[in-house]
Amino acid sequence: MTIFSNNKRFNIETKDSKTASIIGRYNSAVAHYTQTGDPSNLDKLKGMVVKDASGKQYVLETRPKRVIAILERLEEPDVPTIYAI
């Protein structure tokens, strides 16, 4: 499952349905914010920590500007685009 934490995107494997449910709510909150500009659902998850299947903890990124910055970096190409004329 995909989360944003520590100013990065992580794809983590979850061990239980409770964690998966929290991440689902988080991803819905991110989508709601990017579509509407309303951060209220992100605010409800402020300080929320999730663990991956190996026990590593991640604090979910809920600061709107940081969420946008992560999304903008994801949209940048990894390799330069070469245009032929």
PDB file of N, CA and C in Angstrom:
ATOM      1  N   MET A   1       0.855  -1.166   0.000  1.00  0.00           N
ATOM      2  CA  MET A   1       0.000   0.000   0.000  1.00  0.00           C
ATOM      3  C   MET A   1       0.900   1.227   0.000  1.00  0.00           C
ATOM      4  N   THR A   2       0.437   2.293  -0.631  1.00  0.00           N
ATOM      5  CA  THR A   2       1.233   3.503  -0.773  1.00  0.00           C
ATOM      6  C   THR A   2       0.899   4.505   0.318  1.00  0.00           C
ATOM      7  N   ILE A   3       1.956   5.070   0.915  1.00  0.00           N
ATOM      8  CA  ILE A   3       1.809   6.133   1.908  1.00  0.00           C
ATOM      9  C   ILE A   3       2.861   7.198   1.642  1.00  0.00           C
ATOM     10  N   PHE A   4       2.640   8.372   2.224  1.00  0.00           N
ATOM     11  CA  PHE A   4       3.637   9.433   2.225  1.00  0.00           C
ATOM     12  C   PHE A   4       4.092   9.611   3.664  1.00  0.00           C
ATOM     13  N   SER A   5       5.410   9.604   3.854  1.00  0.00           N
ATOM     14  CA  SER A   5       5.986   9.775   5.180  1.00  0.00           C
ATOM     15  C   SER A   5       7.400  10.306   5.018  1.00  0.00           C
ATOM     16  N   ASN A   6       7.808  11.159   5.946  1.00  0.00           N
ATOM     17  CA  ASN A   6       9.176  11.671   5.930  1.00  0.00           C
ATOM     18  C   ASN A   6       9.537  12.279   4.582  1.00  0.00           C
ATOM     19  N   ASN A   7       8.576  12.980   3.998  1.00  0.00           N
ATOM     20  CA  ASN A   7       8.764  13.703   2.733  1.00  0.00           C
ATOM     21  C   ASN A   7       9.032  12.787   1.541  1.00  0.00           C
ATOM     22  N   LYS A   8       8.587  11.515   1.625  1.00  0.00           N
ATOM     23  CA  LYS A   8       8.788  10.549   0.553  1.00  0.00           C
ATOM     24  C   LYS A   8       7.546   9.677   0.391  1.00  0.00           C
ATOM     25  N   ARG A   9       7.508   8.988  -0.737  1.00  0.00           N
ATOM     26  CA  ARG A   9       6.470   7.988  -0.965  1.00  0.00           C
ATOM     27  C   ARG A   9       7.039   6.617  -0.634  1.00  0.00           C
ATOM     28  N   PHE A  10       6.249   5.818   0.049  1.00  0.00           N
ATOM     29  CA  PHE A  10       6.648   4.452   0.384  1.00  0.00           C
ATOM     30  C   PHE A  10       5.538   3.500  -0.048  1.00  0.00           C
ATOM     31  N   ASN A  11       5.933   2.365  -0.575  1.00  0.00           N
ATOM     32  CA  ASN A  11       5.004   1.268  -0.829  1.00  0.00           C
ATOM     33  C   ASN A  11       5.302   0.225   0.236  1.00  0.00           C
ATOM     34  N   ILE A  12       4.341   0.035   1.135  1.00  0.00           N
ATOM     35  CA  ILE A  12       4.586  -0.883   2.245  1.00  0.00           C
ATOM     36  C   ILE A  12       3.614  -2.052   2.201  1.00  0.00           C
ATOM     37  N   GLU A  13       4.058  -3.135   2.795  1.00  0.00           N
ATOM     38  CA  GLU A  13       3.216  -4.310   2.952  1.00  0.00           C
ATOM     39  C   GLU A  13       2.648  -4.267   4.361  1.00  0.00           C
ATOM     40  N   THR A  14       1.359  -4.469   4.474  1.00  0.00           N
ATOM     41  CA  THR A  14       0.719  -4.428   5.789  1.00  0.00           C
ATOM     42  C   THR A  14       0.472  -5.833   6.303  1.00  0.00           C
ATOM     43  N   LYS A  15       0.368  -5.913   7.620  1.00  0.00           N
ATOM     44  CA  LYS A  15       0.203  -7.210   8.268  1.00  0.00           C
ATOM     45  C   LYS A  15      -1.245  -7.462   8.687  1.00  0.00           C
ATOM     46  N   ASP A  16      -2.016  -6.379   8.869  1.00  0.00           N
ATOM     47  CA  ASP A  16      -3.370  -6.575   9.375  1.00  0.00           C
ATOM     48  C   ASP A  16      -4.355  -5.622   8.704  1.00  0.00           C
ATOM     49  N   SER A  17      -5.620  -5.950   8.851  1.00  0.00           N
ATOM     50  CA  SER A  17      -6.669  -5.165   8.201  1.00  0.00           C
ATOM     51  C   SER A  17      -6.839  -3.786   8.841  1.00  0.00           C
ATOM     52  N   LYS A  18      -6.513  -3.656  10.119  1.00  0.00           N
ATOM     53  CA  LYS A  18      -6.621  -2.352  10.782  1.00  0.00           C
ATOM     54  C   LYS A  18      -5.659  -1.348  10.140  1.00  0.00           C
ATOM     55  N   THR A  19      -4.425  -1.765   9.923  1.00  0.00           N
ATOM     56  CA  THR A  19      -3.443  -0.891   9.278  1.00  0.00           C
ATOM     57  C   THR A  19      -3.869  -0.582   7.853  1.00  0.00           C
ATOM     58  N   ALA A  20      -4.333  -1.571   7.142  1.00  0.00           N
ATOM     59  CA  ALA A  20      -4.791  -1.372   5.767  1.00  0.00           C
ATOM     60  C   ALA A  20      -5.953  -0.387   5.726  1.00  0.00           C
ATOM     61  N   SER A  21      -6.832  -0.446   6.691  1.00  0.00           N
ATOM     62  CA  SER A  21      -7.964   0.468   6.761  1.00  0.00           C
ATOM     63  C   SER A  21      -7.499   1.907   7.007  1.00  0.00           C
ATOM     64  N   ILE A  22      -6.530   2.070   7.899  1.00  0.00           N
ATOM     65  CA  ILE A  22      -5.992   3.413   8.169  1.00  0.00           C
ATOM     66  C   ILE A  22      -5.348   3.982   6.912  1.00  0.00           C
ATOM     67  N   ILE A  23      -4.579   3.155   6.212  1.00  0.00           N
ATOM     68  CA  ILE A  23      -3.925   3.618   4.990  1.00  0.00           C
ATOM     69  C   ILE A  23      -4.965   3.948   3.924  1.00  0.00           C
ATOM     70  N   GLY A  24      -6.016   3.162   3.847  1.00  0.00           N
ATOM     71  CA  GLY A  24      -7.106   3.475   2.910  1.00  0.00           C
ATOM     72  C   GLY A  24      -7.740   4.821   3.220  1.00  0.00           C
ATOM     73  N   ARG A  25      -7.994   5.085   4.511  1.00  0.00           N
ATOM     74  CA  ARG A  25      -8.531   6.395   4.912  1.00  0.00           C
ATOM     75  C   ARG A  25      -7.550   7.505   4.563  1.00  0.00           C
ATOM     76  N   TYR A  26      -6.270   7.244   4.781  1.00  0.00           N
ATOM     77  CA  TYR A  26      -5.239   8.236   4.477  1.00  0.00           C
ATOM     78  C   TYR A  26      -5.225   8.559   2.982  1.00  0.00           C
ATOM     79  N   ASN A  27      -5.229   7.532   2.141  1.00  0.00           N
ATOM     80  CA  ASN A  27      -5.208   7.764   0.697  1.00  0.00           C
ATOM     81  C   ASN A  27      -6.464   8.482   0.219  1.00  0.00           C
ATOM     82  N   SER A  28      -7.583   8.187   0.836  1.00  0.00           N
ATOM     83  CA  SER A  28      -8.819   8.912   0.511  1.00  0.00           C
ATOM     84  C   SER A  28      -8.709  10.379   0.922  1.00  0.00           C
ATOM     85  N   ALA A  29      -8.085  10.636   2.070  1.00  0.00           N
ATOM     86  CA  ALA A  29      -7.902  12.007   2.547  1.00  0.00           C
ATOM     87  C   ALA A  29      -6.975  12.782   1.619  1.00  0.00           C
ATOM     88  N   VAL A  30      -5.920  12.126   1.145  1.00  0.00           N
ATOM     89  CA  VAL A  30      -5.000  12.773   0.200  1.00  0.00           C
ATOM     90  C   VAL A  30      -5.744  13.103  -1.093  1.00  0.00           C
ATOM     91  N   ALA A  31      -6.503  12.157  -1.599  1.00  0.00           N
ATOM     92  CA  ALA A  31      -7.261  12.384  -2.837  1.00  0.00           C
ATOM     93  C   ALA A  31      -8.274  13.510  -2.654  1.00  0.00           C
ATOM     94  N   HIS A  32      -8.978  13.509  -1.526  1.00  0.00           N
ATOM     95  CA  HIS A  32      -9.962  14.561  -1.251  1.00  0.00           C
ATOM     96  C   HIS A  32      -9.277  15.929  -1.215  1.00  0.00           C
ATOM     97  N   TYR A  33      -8.134  15.997  -0.560  1.00  0.00           N
ATOM     98  CA  TYR A  33      -7.420  17.272  -0.482  1.00  0.00           C
ATOM     99  C   TYR A  33      -6.967  17.749  -1.864  1.00  0.00           C
ATOM    100  N   THR A  34      -6.415  16.855  -2.658  1.00  0.00           N
ATOM    101  CA  THR A  34      -5.918  17.279  -3.974  1.00  0.00           C
ATOM    102  C   THR A  34      -7.050  17.680  -4.913  1.00  0.00           C
ATOM    103  N   GLN A  35      -8.228  17.115  -4.712  1.00  0.00           N
ATOM    104  CA  GLN A  35      -9.354  17.442  -5.577  1.00  0.00           C
ATOM    105  C   GLN A  35     -10.118  18.678  -5.123  1.00  0.00           C
ATOM    106  N   THR A  36     -10.137  18.927  -3.810  1.00  0.00           N
ATOM    107  CA  THR A  36     -10.980  20.014  -3.292  1.00  0.00           C
ATOM    108  C   THR A  36     -10.205  21.138  -2.605  1.00  0.00           C
ATOM    109  N   GLY A  37      -8.976  20.860  -2.177  1.00  0.00           N
ATOM    110  CA  GLY A  37      -8.220  21.842  -1.401  1.00  0.00           C
ATOM    111  C   GLY A  37      -8.612  21.869   0.069  1.00  0.00           C
ATOM    112  N   ASP A  38      -9.480  20.966   0.471  1.00  0.00           N
ATOM    113  CA  ASP A  38      -9.954  20.891   1.858  1.00  0.00           C
ATOM    114  C   ASP A  38      -9.092  19.892   2.637  1.00  0.00           C
ATOM    115  N   PRO A  39      -8.276  20.376   3.592  1.00  0.00           N
ATOM    116  CA  PRO A  39      -7.382  19.486   4.324  1.00  0.00           C
ATOM    117  C   PRO A  39      -8.001  18.848   5.574  1.00  0.00           C
ATOM    118  N   SER A  40      -9.295  19.015   5.803  1.00  0.00           N
ATOM    119  CA  SER A  40      -9.901  18.557   7.057  1.00  0.00           C
ATOM    120  C   SER A  40      -9.738  17.050   7.288  1.00  0.00           C
ATOM    121  N   ASN A  41      -9.823  16.237   6.242  1.00  0.00           N
ATOM    122  CA  ASN A  41      -9.648  14.793   6.419  1.00  0.00           C
ATOM    123  C   ASN A  41      -8.199  14.438   6.742  1.00  0.00           C
ATOM    124  N   LEU A  42      -7.257  15.188   6.183  1.00  0.00           N
ATOM    125  CA  LEU A  42      -5.848  14.993   6.544  1.00  0.00           C
ATOM    126  C   LEU A  42      -5.624  15.355   8.004  1.00  0.00           C
ATOM    127  N   ASP A  43      -6.250  16.445   8.436  1.00  0.00           N
ATOM    128  CA  ASP A  43      -6.103  16.899   9.822  1.00  0.00           C
ATOM    129  C   ASP A  43      -6.530  15.820  10.817  1.00  0.00           C
ATOM    130  N   LYS A  44      -7.544  15.046  10.466  1.00  0.00           N
ATOM    131  CA  LYS A  44      -8.035  13.989  11.357  1.00  0.00           C
ATOM    132  C   LYS A  44      -7.007  12.873  11.554  1.00  0.00           C
ATOM    133  N   LEU A  45      -6.045  12.767  10.642  1.00  0.00           N
ATOM    134  CA  LEU A  45      -5.042  11.713  10.707  1.00  0.00           C
ATOM    135  C   LEU A  45      -3.683  12.227  11.193  1.00  0.00           C
ATOM    136  N   LYS A  46      -3.642  13.477  11.627  1.00  0.00           N
ATOM    137  CA  LYS A  46      -2.389  14.084  12.072  1.00  0.00           C
ATOM    138  C   LYS A  46      -1.766  13.263  13.206  1.00  0.00           C
ATOM    139  N   GLY A  47      -0.471  12.966  13.058  1.00  0.00           N
ATOM    140  CA  GLY A  47       0.243  12.194  14.075  1.00  0.00           C
ATOM    141  C   GLY A  47       0.031  10.693  14.000  1.00  0.00           C
ATOM    142  N   MET A  48      -0.736  10.228  13.037  1.00  0.00           N
ATOM    143  CA  MET A  48      -1.028   8.794  12.911  1.00  0.00           C
ATOM    144  C   MET A  48       0.224   8.042  12.453  1.00  0.00           C
ATOM    145  N   VAL A  49       0.510   6.944  13.125  1.00  0.00           N
ATOM    146  CA  VAL A  49       1.661   6.098  12.814  1.00  0.00           C
ATOM    147  C   VAL A  49       1.150   4.734  12.363  1.00  0.00           C
ATOM    148  N   VAL A  50       1.728   4.221  11.279  1.00  0.00           N
ATOM    149  CA  VAL A  50       1.396   2.874  10.817  1.00  0.00           C
ATOM    150  C   VAL A  50       2.676   2.046  10.776  1.00  0.00           C
ATOM    151  N   LYS A  51       2.518   0.732  10.917  1.00  0.00           N
ATOM    152  CA  LYS A  51       3.648  -0.194  10.849  1.00  0.00           C
ATOM    153  C   LYS A  51       3.516  -1.071   9.620  1.00  0.00           C
ATOM    154  N   ASP A  52       4.661  -1.320   8.986  1.00  0.00           N
ATOM    155  CA  ASP A  52       4.626  -2.262   7.874  1.00  0.00           C
ATOM    156  C   ASP A  52       4.724  -3.688   8.424  1.00  0.00           C
ATOM    157  N   ALA A  53       4.729  -4.669   7.529  1.00  0.00           N
ATOM    158  CA  ALA A  53       4.710  -6.072   7.948  1.00  0.00           C
ATOM    159  C   ALA A  53       5.942  -6.465   8.761  1.00  0.00           C
ATOM    160  N   SER A  54       7.049  -5.728   8.583  1.00  0.00           N
ATOM    161  CA  SER A  54       8.265  -6.056   9.337  1.00  0.00           C
ATOM    162  C   SER A  54       8.371  -5.273  10.640  1.00  0.00           C
ATOM    163  N   GLY A  55       7.391  -4.408  10.907  1.00  0.00           N
ATOM    164  CA  GLY A  55       7.373  -3.655  12.159  1.00  0.00           C
ATOM    165  C   GLY A  55       7.929  -2.247  12.076  1.00  0.00           C
ATOM    166  N   LYS A  56       8.421  -1.836  10.907  1.00  0.00           N
ATOM    167  CA  LYS A  56       8.934  -0.469  10.752  1.00  0.00           C
ATOM    168  C   LYS A  56       7.780   0.522  10.828  1.00  0.00           C
ATOM    169  N   GLN A  57       7.983   1.608  11.575  1.00  0.00           N
ATOM    170  CA  GLN A  57       6.930   2.604  11.764  1.00  0.00           C
ATOM    171  C   GLN A  57       7.089   3.779  10.806  1.00  0.00           C
ATOM    172  N   TYR A  58       5.954   4.302  10.362  1.00  0.00           N
ATOM    173  CA  TYR A  58       5.897   5.459   9.482  1.00  0.00           C
ATOM    174  C   TYR A  58       4.861   6.436  10.029  1.00  0.00           C
ATOM    175  N   VAL A  59       5.243   7.702  10.163  1.00  0.00           N
ATOM    176  CA  VAL A  59       4.288   8.743  10.527  1.00  0.00           C
ATOM    177  C   VAL A  59       3.692   9.252   9.220  1.00  0.00           C
ATOM    178  N   LEU A  60       2.381   9.197   9.096  1.00  0.00           N
ATOM    179  CA  LEU A  60       1.729   9.629   7.861  1.00  0.00           C
ATOM    180  C   LEU A  60       1.888  11.133   7.681  1.00  0.00           C
ATOM    181  N   GLU A  61       2.261  11.539   6.472  1.00  0.00           N
ATOM    182  CA  GLU A  61       2.424  12.966   6.158  1.00  0.00           C
ATOM    183  C   GLU A  61       1.049  13.592   5.957  1.00  0.00           C
ATOM    184  N   THR A  62       0.702  14.542   6.805  1.00  0.00           N
ATOM    185  CA  THR A  62      -0.615  15.180   6.715  1.00  0.00           C
ATOM    186  C   THR A  62      -0.523  16.680   6.474  1.00  0.00           C
ATOM    187  N   ARG A  63       0.676  17.209   6.370  1.00  0.00           N
ATOM    188  CA  ARG A  63       0.827  18.645   6.106  1.00  0.00           C
ATOM    189  C   ARG A  63       0.560  18.894   4.627  1.00  0.00           C
ATOM    190  N   PRO A  64      -0.466  19.698   4.323  1.00  0.00           N
ATOM    191  CA  PRO A  64      -0.884  19.878   2.933  1.00  0.00           C
ATOM    192  C   PRO A  64       0.242  20.264   1.974  1.00  0.00           C
ATOM    193  N   LYS A  65       1.081  21.189   2.345  1.00  0.00           N
ATOM    194  CA  LYS A  65       2.151  21.615   1.433  1.00  0.00           C
ATOM    195  C   LYS A  65       3.140  20.490   1.162  1.00  0.00           C
ATOM    196  N   ARG A  66       3.396  19.685   2.166  1.00  0.00           N
ATOM    197  CA  ARG A  66       4.314  18.544   1.977  1.00  0.00           C
ATOM    198  C   ARG A  66       3.680  17.472   1.094  1.00  0.00           C
ATOM    199  N   VAL A  67       2.387  17.240   1.271  1.00  0.00           N
ATOM    200  CA  VAL A  67       1.688  16.268   0.424  1.00  0.00           C
ATOM    201  C   VAL A  67       1.777  16.700  -1.035  1.00  0.00           C
ATOM    202  N   ILE A  68       1.510  17.966  -1.296  1.00  0.00           N
ATOM    203  CA  ILE A  68       1.573  18.490  -2.666  1.00  0.00           C
ATOM    204  C   ILE A  68       2.988  18.376  -3.213  1.00  0.00           C
ATOM    205  N   ALA A  69       3.987  18.701  -2.399  1.00  0.00           N
ATOM    206  CA  ALA A  69       5.379  18.618  -2.857  1.00  0.00           C
ATOM    207  C   ALA A  69       5.741  17.185  -3.255  1.00  0.00           C
ATOM    208  N   ILE A  70       5.305  16.216  -2.482  1.00  0.00           N
ATOM    209  CA  ILE A  70       5.583  14.812  -2.808  1.00  0.00           C
ATOM    210  C   ILE A  70       4.894  14.444  -4.125  1.00  0.00           C
ATOM    211  N   LEU A  71       3.647  14.834  -4.266  1.00  0.00           N
ATOM    212  CA  LEU A  71       2.908  14.523  -5.500  1.00  0.00           C
ATOM    213  C   LEU A  71       3.549  15.185  -6.712  1.00  0.00           C
ATOM    214  N   GLU A  72       4.013  16.411  -6.556  1.00  0.00           N
ATOM    215  CA  GLU A  72       4.659  17.092  -7.678  1.00  0.00           C
ATOM    216  C   GLU A  72       5.946  16.388  -8.085  1.00  0.00           C
ATOM    217  N   ARG A  73       6.705  15.912  -7.125  1.00  0.00           N
ATOM    218  CA  ARG A  73       7.934  15.177  -7.451  1.00  0.00           C
ATOM    219  C   ARG A  73       7.613  13.876  -8.176  1.00  0.00           C
ATOM    220  N   LEU A  74       6.509  13.248  -7.835  1.00  0.00           N
ATOM    221  CA  LEU A  74       6.128  12.000  -8.489  1.00  0.00           C
ATOM    222  C   LEU A  74       5.801  12.206  -9.954  1.00  0.00           C
ATOM    223  N   GLU A  75       5.323  13.398 -10.278  1.00  0.00           N
ATOM    224  CA  GLU A  75       4.938  13.685 -11.663  1.00  0.00           C
ATOM    225  C   GLU A  75       6.132  14.030 -12.540  1.00  0.00           C
ATOM    226  N   GLU A  76       7.285  14.326 -11.940  1.00  0.00           N
ATOM    227  CA  GLU A  76       8.472  14.640 -12.726  1.00  0.00           C
ATOM    228  C   GLU A  76       9.033  13.358 -13.316  1.00  0.00           C
ATOM    229  N   PRO A  77       9.464  13.411 -14.580  1.00  0.00           N
ATOM    230  CA  PRO A  77      10.021  12.196 -15.183  1.00  0.00           C
ATOM    231  C   PRO A  77      11.344  11.804 -14.518  1.00  0.00           C
ATOM    232  N   ASP A  78      11.588  10.505 -14.428  1.00  0.00           N
ATOM    233  CA  ASP A  78      12.822  10.006 -13.830  1.00  0.00           C
ATOM    234  C   ASP A  78      14.012  10.158 -14.777  1.00  0.00           C
ATOM    235  N   VAL A  79      13.725  10.118 -16.069  1.00  0.00           N
ATOM    236  CA  VAL A  79      14.797  10.259 -17.060  1.00  0.00           C
ATOM    237  C   VAL A  79      14.461  11.446 -17.963  1.00  0.00           C
ATOM    238  N   PRO A  80      15.467  12.112 -18.510  1.00  0.00           N
ATOM    239  CA  PRO A  80      15.189  13.244 -19.401  1.00  0.00           C
ATOM    240  C   PRO A  80      14.451  12.792 -20.644  1.00  0.00           C
ATOM    241  N   THR A  81      13.549  13.620 -21.088  1.00  0.00           N
ATOM    242  CA  THR A  81      12.807  13.341 -22.318  1.00  0.00           C
ATOM    243  C   THR A  81      13.561  13.946 -23.490  1.00  0.00           C
ATOM    244  N   ILE A  82      13.768  13.164 -24.526  1.00  0.00           N
ATOM    245  CA  ILE A  82      14.483  13.644 -25.701  1.00  0.00           C
ATOM    246  C   ILE A  82      13.470  13.810 -26.826  1.00  0.00           C
ATOM    247  N   TYR A  83      13.450  15.005 -27.380  1.00  0.00           N
ATOM    248  CA  TYR A  83      12.521  15.317 -28.452  1.00  0.00           C
ATOM    249  C   TYR A  83      13.242  15.245 -29.795  1.00  0.00           C
ATOM    250  N   ALA A  84      12.673  14.545 -30.740  1.00  0.00           N
ATOM    251  CA  ALA A  84      13.242  14.491 -32.089  1.00  0.00           C
ATOM    252  C   ALA A  84      12.520  15.497 -32.972  1.00  0.00           C
ATOM    253  N   ILE A  85      13.282  16.130 -33.821  1.00  0.00           N
ATOM    254  CA  ILE A  85      12.671  17.128 -34.734  1.00  0.00           C
ATOM    255  C   ILE A  85      12.549  16.546 -36.117  1.00  0.00           C
TER     256      ILE A  85
END
